[in-house]
Amino acid sequence: MPVRSVQRVMLAVLLCIAVGACTASQQPAPVETSAEPQLSTASAPAKTSGPATPSPASAGPLLIPVQGVAASQLSDTFGDARAQGREHDAIDIMAARGTPVLAVANGHIEKLFTSKPGGLTIYQFEPSGRYAYYYAHLDRYADGLAEKQTVRRGQVIGFVGSTGNASPDAPHLHFSIFELGPERQWWKGTAINPYPVLSQSQ
């Protein structure tokens, strides 16, 4: 083959290689997607539990969420062992059935949810969206309570009960604080011990 023809072939090969590399570099990197979990009343929303060091102080002082309960009456049950190797990511506030449950801070109702373990539950977000407050085992919601509704600190949002896996003989409020990730998903957060926060409430 003449030298000129060889040069033309080699030039064509090099050009193809260069174009192929350029095309590959322009392809977008694969994006991982994750769909929202399929929720049902048969299962509780998944959360990342375990103690965390941050405190929701930026949300302002929190109110004890059960009417008539003083800070001195609270017990630190965070981290206690539960059935099936679980740890308690909340504190339980004992009270008579039907005692009003109060919003601990200003914010809005993000989700009203029913599950086997928690029974009737409320997820409240504080205004910045960094923290979620979780109220469980409610006997019922306050009349007219709805998702996305704005609530004020001290507003009645429900009533103490024993729905879900709570003992009918021991009505109480299961109360949790979760620090949310940047995605602000109500079903996923890192649990913070509410006891040190609420035990300072006046």
C-alpha atoms as a PDB file:
ATOM      1  CA  MET A   1       0.000   0.000   0.000  1.00  0.00           C
ATOM      2  CA  PRO A   2       1.399   3.450  -0.871  1.00  0.00           C
ATOM      3  CA  VAL A   3       2.705   5.534   2.025  1.00  0.00           C
ATOM      4  CA  ARG A   4       0.128   8.243   1.387  1.00  0.00           C
ATOM      5  CA  SER A   5      -2.726   5.684   1.616  1.00  0.00           C
ATOM      6  CA  VAL A   6      -1.319   4.295   4.875  1.00  0.00           C
ATOM      7  CA  GLN A   7      -1.156   7.803   6.308  1.00  0.00           C
ATOM      8  CA  ARG A   8      -4.759   8.455   5.294  1.00  0.00           C
ATOM      9  CA  VAL A   9      -5.930   5.211   6.944  1.00  0.00           C
ATOM     10  CA  MET A  10      -4.017   5.954  10.160  1.00  0.00           C
ATOM     11  CA  LEU A  11      -5.409   9.494  10.203  1.00  0.00           C
ATOM     12  CA  ALA A  12      -8.949   8.150   9.801  1.00  0.00           C
ATOM     13  CA  VAL A  13      -8.420   5.644  12.653  1.00  0.00           C
ATOM     14  CA  LEU A  14      -7.040   8.348  14.958  1.00  0.00           C
ATOM     15  CA  LEU A  15      -9.940  10.629  14.092  1.00  0.00           C
ATOM     16  CA  CYS A  16     -12.469   7.893  14.912  1.00  0.00           C
ATOM     17  CA  ILE A  17     -10.767   7.217  18.218  1.00  0.00           C
ATOM     18  CA  ALA A  18     -10.743  10.934  19.098  1.00  0.00           C
ATOM     19  CA  VAL A  19     -14.411  11.362  18.179  1.00  0.00           C
ATOM     20  CA  GLY A  20     -15.369   8.260  20.147  1.00  0.00           C
ATOM     21  CA  ALA A  21     -13.550   9.523  23.235  1.00  0.00           C
ATOM     22  CA  CYS A  22     -15.152  12.935  22.920  1.00  0.00           C
ATOM     23  CA  THR A  23     -18.625  11.382  22.574  1.00  0.00           C
ATOM     24  CA  ALA A  24     -18.086   9.161  25.639  1.00  0.00           C
ATOM     25  CA  SER A  25     -16.931  12.096  27.741  1.00  0.00           C
ATOM     26  CA  GLN A  26     -20.132  13.960  26.963  1.00  0.00           C
ATOM     27  CA  GLN A  27     -22.380  11.174  28.213  1.00  0.00           C
ATOM     28  CA  PRO A  28     -23.968  12.119  31.570  1.00  0.00           C
ATOM     29  CA  ALA A  29     -23.001  10.029  34.557  1.00  0.00           C
ATOM     30  CA  PRO A  30     -25.720   7.611  35.683  1.00  0.00           C
ATOM     31  CA  VAL A  31     -27.991   9.095  38.343  1.00  0.00           C
ATOM     32  CA  GLU A  32     -29.136   6.954  41.218  1.00  0.00           C
ATOM     33  CA  THR A  33     -32.782   7.437  42.030  1.00  0.00           C
ATOM     34  CA  SER A  34     -34.702   6.301  45.040  1.00  0.00           C
ATOM     35  CA  ALA A  35     -38.452   6.274  45.130  1.00  0.00           C
ATOM     36  CA  GLU A  36     -40.395   7.253  48.199  1.00  0.00           C
ATOM     37  CA  PRO A  37     -41.153   4.145  50.264  1.00  0.00           C
ATOM     38  CA  GLN A  38     -44.508   2.522  49.759  1.00  0.00           C
ATOM     39  CA  LEU A  39     -46.263   3.245  53.028  1.00  0.00           C
ATOM     40  CA  SER A  40     -49.202   1.370  54.437  1.00  0.00           C
ATOM     41  CA  THR A  41     -51.002   1.156  57.727  1.00  0.00           C
ATOM     42  CA  ALA A  42     -49.425  -2.282  58.221  1.00  0.00           C
ATOM     43  CA  SER A  43     -45.903  -1.014  58.764  1.00  0.00           C
ATOM     44  CA  ALA A  44     -44.249   1.870  60.553  1.00  0.00           C
ATOM     45  CA  PRO A  45     -42.162   4.329  58.532  1.00  0.00           C
ATOM     46  CA  ALA A  46     -38.471   3.543  58.495  1.00  0.00           C
ATOM     47  CA  LYS A  47     -36.225   5.772  60.556  1.00  0.00           C
ATOM     48  CA  THR A  48     -32.577   5.805  61.485  1.00  0.00           C
ATOM     49  CA  SER A  49     -32.526   5.515  65.240  1.00  0.00           C
ATOM     50  CA  GLY A  50     -29.733   5.993  67.707  1.00  0.00           C
ATOM     51  CA  PRO A  51     -28.586   8.791  69.934  1.00  0.00           C
ATOM     52  CA  ALA A  52     -27.388  11.994  68.349  1.00  0.00           C
ATOM     53  CA  THR A  53     -25.560  14.916  69.865  1.00  0.00           C
ATOM     54  CA  PRO A  54     -27.293  17.896  68.188  1.00  0.00           C
ATOM     55  CA  SER A  55     -30.041  19.668  70.106  1.00  0.00           C
ATOM     56  CA  PRO A  56     -33.023  21.404  68.528  1.00  0.00           C
ATOM     57  CA  ALA A  57     -32.267  24.561  70.501  1.00  0.00           C
ATOM     58  CA  SER A  58     -32.555  26.632  67.334  1.00  0.00           C
ATOM     59  CA  ALA A  59     -36.245  25.792  67.265  1.00  0.00           C
ATOM     60  CA  GLY A  60     -36.707  27.602  70.597  1.00  0.00           C
ATOM     61  CA  PRO A  61     -37.688  26.136  73.956  1.00  0.00           C
ATOM     62  CA  LEU A  62     -39.931  23.095  73.656  1.00  0.00           C
ATOM     63  CA  LEU A  63     -43.112  22.653  75.609  1.00  0.00           C
ATOM     64  CA  ILE A  64     -43.834  19.378  77.411  1.00  0.00           C
ATOM     65  CA  PRO A  65     -46.308  17.856  74.952  1.00  0.00           C
ATOM     66  CA  VAL A  66     -48.803  16.460  77.488  1.00  0.00           C
ATOM     67  CA  GLN A  67     -51.048  18.918  79.282  1.00  0.00           C
ATOM     68  CA  GLY A  68     -50.536  19.050  83.056  1.00  0.00           C
ATOM     69  CA  VAL A  69     -47.247  17.080  83.111  1.00  0.00           C
ATOM     70  CA  ALA A  70     -44.297  18.768  84.842  1.00  0.00           C
ATOM     71  CA  ALA A  71     -40.638  18.302  83.937  1.00  0.00           C
ATOM     72  CA  SER A  72     -40.057  16.512  87.250  1.00  0.00           C
ATOM     73  CA  GLN A  73     -42.527  13.800  86.189  1.00  0.00           C
ATOM     74  CA  LEU A  74     -40.629  12.829  83.047  1.00  0.00           C
ATOM     75  CA  SER A  75     -38.547   9.648  82.838  1.00  0.00           C
ATOM     76  CA  ASP A  76     -35.628   9.094  80.486  1.00  0.00           C
ATOM     77  CA  THR A  77     -36.632   5.955  78.567  1.00  0.00           C
ATOM     78  CA  PHE A  78     -34.585   6.828  75.466  1.00  0.00           C
ATOM     79  CA  GLY A  79     -32.411   3.886  74.422  1.00  0.00           C
ATOM     80  CA  ASP A  80     -34.271   1.352  76.580  1.00  0.00           C
ATOM     81  CA  ALA A  81     -34.434  -2.154  75.148  1.00  0.00           C
ATOM     82  CA  ARG A  82     -37.612  -3.159  73.382  1.00  0.00           C
ATOM     83  CA  ALA A  83     -38.905  -6.370  71.798  1.00  0.00           C
ATOM     84  CA  GLN A  84     -37.105  -7.881  68.799  1.00  0.00           C
ATOM     85  CA  GLY A  85     -33.800  -6.219  69.674  1.00  0.00           C
ATOM     86  CA  ARG A  86     -35.078  -2.691  69.120  1.00  0.00           C
ATOM     87  CA  GLU A  87     -34.064   0.389  71.102  1.00  0.00           C
ATOM     88  CA  HIS A  88     -36.547   2.989  72.263  1.00  0.00           C
ATOM     89  CA  ASP A  89     -35.882   6.125  70.227  1.00  0.00           C
ATOM     90  CA  ALA A  90     -38.299   8.259  72.256  1.00  0.00           C
ATOM     91  CA  ILE A  91     -39.531   8.933  75.757  1.00  0.00           C
ATOM     92  CA  ASP A  92     -42.907   7.756  77.036  1.00  0.00           C
ATOM     93  CA  ILE A  93     -44.992  10.316  78.925  1.00  0.00           C
ATOM     94  CA  MET A  94     -47.621   8.580  81.021  1.00  0.00           C
ATOM     95  CA  ALA A  95     -51.024  10.233  81.324  1.00  0.00           C
ATOM     96  CA  ALA A  96     -54.703   9.403  81.529  1.00  0.00           C
ATOM     97  CA  ARG A  97     -56.430   8.493  78.309  1.00  0.00           C
ATOM     98  CA  GLY A  98     -57.886  11.580  76.656  1.00  0.00           C
ATOM     99  CA  THR A  99     -55.359  14.031  78.148  1.00  0.00           C
ATOM    100  CA  PRO A 100     -54.664  16.761  75.567  1.00  0.00           C
ATOM    101  CA  VAL A 101     -51.437  16.458  73.562  1.00  0.00           C
ATOM    102  CA  LEU A 102     -49.848  19.825  72.783  1.00  0.00           C
ATOM    103  CA  ALA A 103     -47.592  20.984  69.957  1.00  0.00           C
ATOM    104  CA  VAL A 104     -44.117  21.394  71.489  1.00  0.00           C
ATOM    105  CA  ALA A 105     -43.224  24.285  69.162  1.00  0.00           C
ATOM    106  CA  ASN A 106     -44.484  26.355  66.262  1.00  0.00           C
ATOM    107  CA  GLY A 107     -44.490  24.570  62.924  1.00  0.00           C
ATOM    108  CA  HIS A 108     -46.786  22.605  60.681  1.00  0.00           C
ATOM    109  CA  ILE A 109     -48.303  19.137  60.488  1.00  0.00           C
ATOM    110  CA  GLU A 110     -46.249  17.287  57.900  1.00  0.00           C
ATOM    111  CA  LYS A 111     -47.914  13.867  58.111  1.00  0.00           C
ATOM    112  CA  LEU A 112     -50.805  12.102  59.831  1.00  0.00           C
ATOM    113  CA  PHE A 113     -50.012   8.411  59.791  1.00  0.00           C
ATOM    114  CA  THR A 114     -51.379   5.144  61.193  1.00  0.00           C
ATOM    115  CA  SER A 115     -49.071   2.177  61.808  1.00  0.00           C
ATOM    116  CA  LYS A 116     -49.127  -1.081  63.740  1.00  0.00           C
ATOM    117  CA  PRO A 117     -46.425  -0.037  66.221  1.00  0.00           C
ATOM    118  CA  GLY A 118     -47.306   3.647  66.619  1.00  0.00           C
ATOM    119  CA  GLY A 119     -51.053   3.601  66.141  1.00  0.00           C
ATOM    120  CA  LEU A 120     -52.356   7.077  65.412  1.00  0.00           C
ATOM    121  CA  THR A 121     -49.332   9.333  64.910  1.00  0.00           C
ATOM    122  CA  ILE A 122     -48.429  12.911  64.024  1.00  0.00           C
ATOM    123  CA  TYR A 123     -45.233  14.167  62.378  1.00  0.00           C
ATOM    124  CA  GLN A 124     -44.734  17.885  62.978  1.00  0.00           C
ATOM    125  CA  PHE A 125     -41.956  19.915  61.318  1.00  0.00           C
ATOM    126  CA  GLU A 126     -40.576  23.047  62.946  1.00  0.00           C
ATOM    127  CA  PRO A 127     -40.319  26.129  60.688  1.00  0.00           C
ATOM    128  CA  SER A 128     -36.756  25.559  59.444  1.00  0.00           C
ATOM    129  CA  GLY A 129     -37.540  21.957  58.468  1.00  0.00           C
ATOM    130  CA  ARG A 130     -34.458  20.711  60.294  1.00  0.00           C
ATOM    131  CA  TYR A 131     -36.315  18.888  63.071  1.00  0.00           C
ATOM    132  CA  ALA A 132     -39.401  16.667  63.186  1.00  0.00           C
ATOM    133  CA  TYR A 133     -41.465  15.990  66.289  1.00  0.00           C
ATOM    134  CA  TYR A 134     -43.238  12.643  66.430  1.00  0.00           C
ATOM    135  CA  TYR A 135     -46.304  11.962  68.591  1.00  0.00           C
ATOM    136  CA  ALA A 136     -47.580   8.368  68.769  1.00  0.00           C
ATOM    137  CA  HIS A 137     -50.196   6.080  70.385  1.00  0.00           C
ATOM    138  CA  LEU A 138     -52.795   8.852  70.182  1.00  0.00           C
ATOM    139  CA  ASP A 139     -56.396   8.067  71.074  1.00  0.00           C
ATOM    140  CA  ARG A 140     -57.566  10.549  68.443  1.00  0.00           C
ATOM    141  CA  TYR A 141     -56.552  13.711  66.624  1.00  0.00           C
ATOM    142  CA  ALA A 142     -57.814  17.148  67.543  1.00  0.00           C
ATOM    143  CA  ASP A 143     -60.905  18.083  65.551  1.00  0.00           C
ATOM    144  CA  GLY A 144     -60.016  19.518  62.166  1.00  0.00           C
ATOM    145  CA  LEU A 145     -56.313  18.596  62.308  1.00  0.00           C
ATOM    146  CA  ALA A 146     -54.923  18.224  58.773  1.00  0.00           C
ATOM    147  CA  GLU A 147     -51.633  17.771  56.950  1.00  0.00           C
ATOM    148  CA  LYS A 148     -49.806  21.022  56.044  1.00  0.00           C
ATOM    149  CA  GLN A 149     -51.784  22.858  58.728  1.00  0.00           C
ATOM    150  CA  THR A 150     -49.827  25.490  60.672  1.00  0.00           C
ATOM    151  CA  VAL A 151     -49.807  24.888  64.430  1.00  0.00           C
ATOM    152  CA  ARG A 152     -48.670  27.055  67.325  1.00  0.00           C
ATOM    153  CA  ARG A 153     -46.719  26.058  70.429  1.00  0.00           C
ATOM    154  CA  GLY A 154     -49.216  24.816  73.029  1.00  0.00           C
ATOM    155  CA  GLN A 155     -52.001  24.102  70.539  1.00  0.00           C
ATOM    156  CA  VAL A 156     -53.980  20.907  71.189  1.00  0.00           C
ATOM    157  CA  ILE A 157     -53.224  18.510  68.324  1.00  0.00           C
ATOM    158  CA  GLY A 158     -54.419  15.194  69.760  1.00  0.00           C
ATOM    159  CA  PHE A 159     -55.217  13.172  72.858  1.00  0.00           C
ATOM    160  CA  VAL A 160     -53.257  10.555  74.804  1.00  0.00           C
ATOM    161  CA  GLY A 161     -54.204   6.961  74.075  1.00  0.00           C
ATOM    162  CA  SER A 162     -52.834   3.458  73.608  1.00  0.00           C
ATOM    163  CA  THR A 163     -53.267   2.757  69.904  1.00  0.00           C
ATOM    164  CA  GLY A 164     -50.701   0.650  68.081  1.00  0.00           C
ATOM    165  CA  ASN A 165     -48.592  -1.681  70.215  1.00  0.00           C
ATOM    166  CA  ALA A 166     -49.097   0.241  73.480  1.00  0.00           C
ATOM    167  CA  SER A 167     -50.711  -1.567  76.384  1.00  0.00           C
ATOM    168  CA  PRO A 168     -54.388  -0.641  76.810  1.00  0.00           C
ATOM    169  CA  ASP A 169     -53.712  -0.469  80.566  1.00  0.00           C
ATOM    170  CA  ALA A 170     -50.925   2.110  80.202  1.00  0.00           C
ATOM    171  CA  PRO A 171     -51.986   4.990  77.955  1.00  0.00           C
ATOM    172  CA  HIS A 172     -49.110   7.338  77.200  1.00  0.00           C
ATOM    173  CA  LEU A 173     -47.579   9.611  74.607  1.00  0.00           C
ATOM    174  CA  HIS A 174     -44.556   8.244  72.761  1.00  0.00           C
ATOM    175  CA  PHE A 175     -42.629  11.396  71.843  1.00  0.00           C
ATOM    176  CA  SER A 176     -39.562  11.593  69.567  1.00  0.00           C
ATOM    177  CA  ILE A 177     -37.351  14.277  68.074  1.00  0.00           C
ATOM    178  CA  PHE A 178     -35.641  13.585  64.751  1.00  0.00           C
ATOM    179  CA  GLU A 179     -32.972  15.624  63.021  1.00  0.00           C
ATOM    180  CA  LEU A 180     -33.818  15.462  59.331  1.00  0.00           C
ATOM    181  CA  GLY A 181     -31.438  15.196  56.407  1.00  0.00           C
ATOM    182  CA  PRO A 182     -31.352  17.715  53.547  1.00  0.00           C
ATOM    183  CA  GLU A 183     -34.098  15.800  51.744  1.00  0.00           C
ATOM    184  CA  ARG A 184     -36.532  16.609  54.626  1.00  0.00           C
ATOM    185  CA  GLN A 185     -38.253  13.209  54.546  1.00  0.00           C
ATOM    186  CA  TRP A 186     -40.673  12.733  57.437  1.00  0.00           C
ATOM    187  CA  TRP A 187     -40.058   8.972  57.600  1.00  0.00           C
ATOM    188  CA  LYS A 188     -36.268   9.216  57.897  1.00  0.00           C
ATOM    189  CA  GLY A 189     -34.125  11.031  60.455  1.00  0.00           C
ATOM    190  CA  THR A 190     -31.660  10.650  63.302  1.00  0.00           C
ATOM    191  CA  ALA A 191     -33.233  10.299  66.727  1.00  0.00           C
ATOM    192  CA  ILE A 192     -32.320  12.774  69.460  1.00  0.00           C
ATOM    193  CA  ASN A 193     -33.062  12.117  73.120  1.00  0.00           C
ATOM    194  CA  PRO A 194     -36.014  14.387  74.032  1.00  0.00           C
ATOM    195  CA  TYR A 195     -35.479  14.029  77.787  1.00  0.00           C
ATOM    196  CA  PRO A 196     -32.654  16.596  78.264  1.00  0.00           C
ATOM    197  CA  VAL A 197     -34.607  19.071  76.139  1.00  0.00           C
ATOM    198  CA  LEU A 198     -38.000  18.630  77.813  1.00  0.00           C
ATOM    199  CA  SER A 199     -36.626  18.295  81.355  1.00  0.00           C
ATOM    200  CA  GLN A 200     -35.533  21.950  81.105  1.00  0.00           C
ATOM    201  CA  SER A 201     -39.029  23.104  80.165  1.00  0.00           C
ATOM    202  CA  GLN A 202     -40.746  25.481  82.522  1.00  0.00           C
END
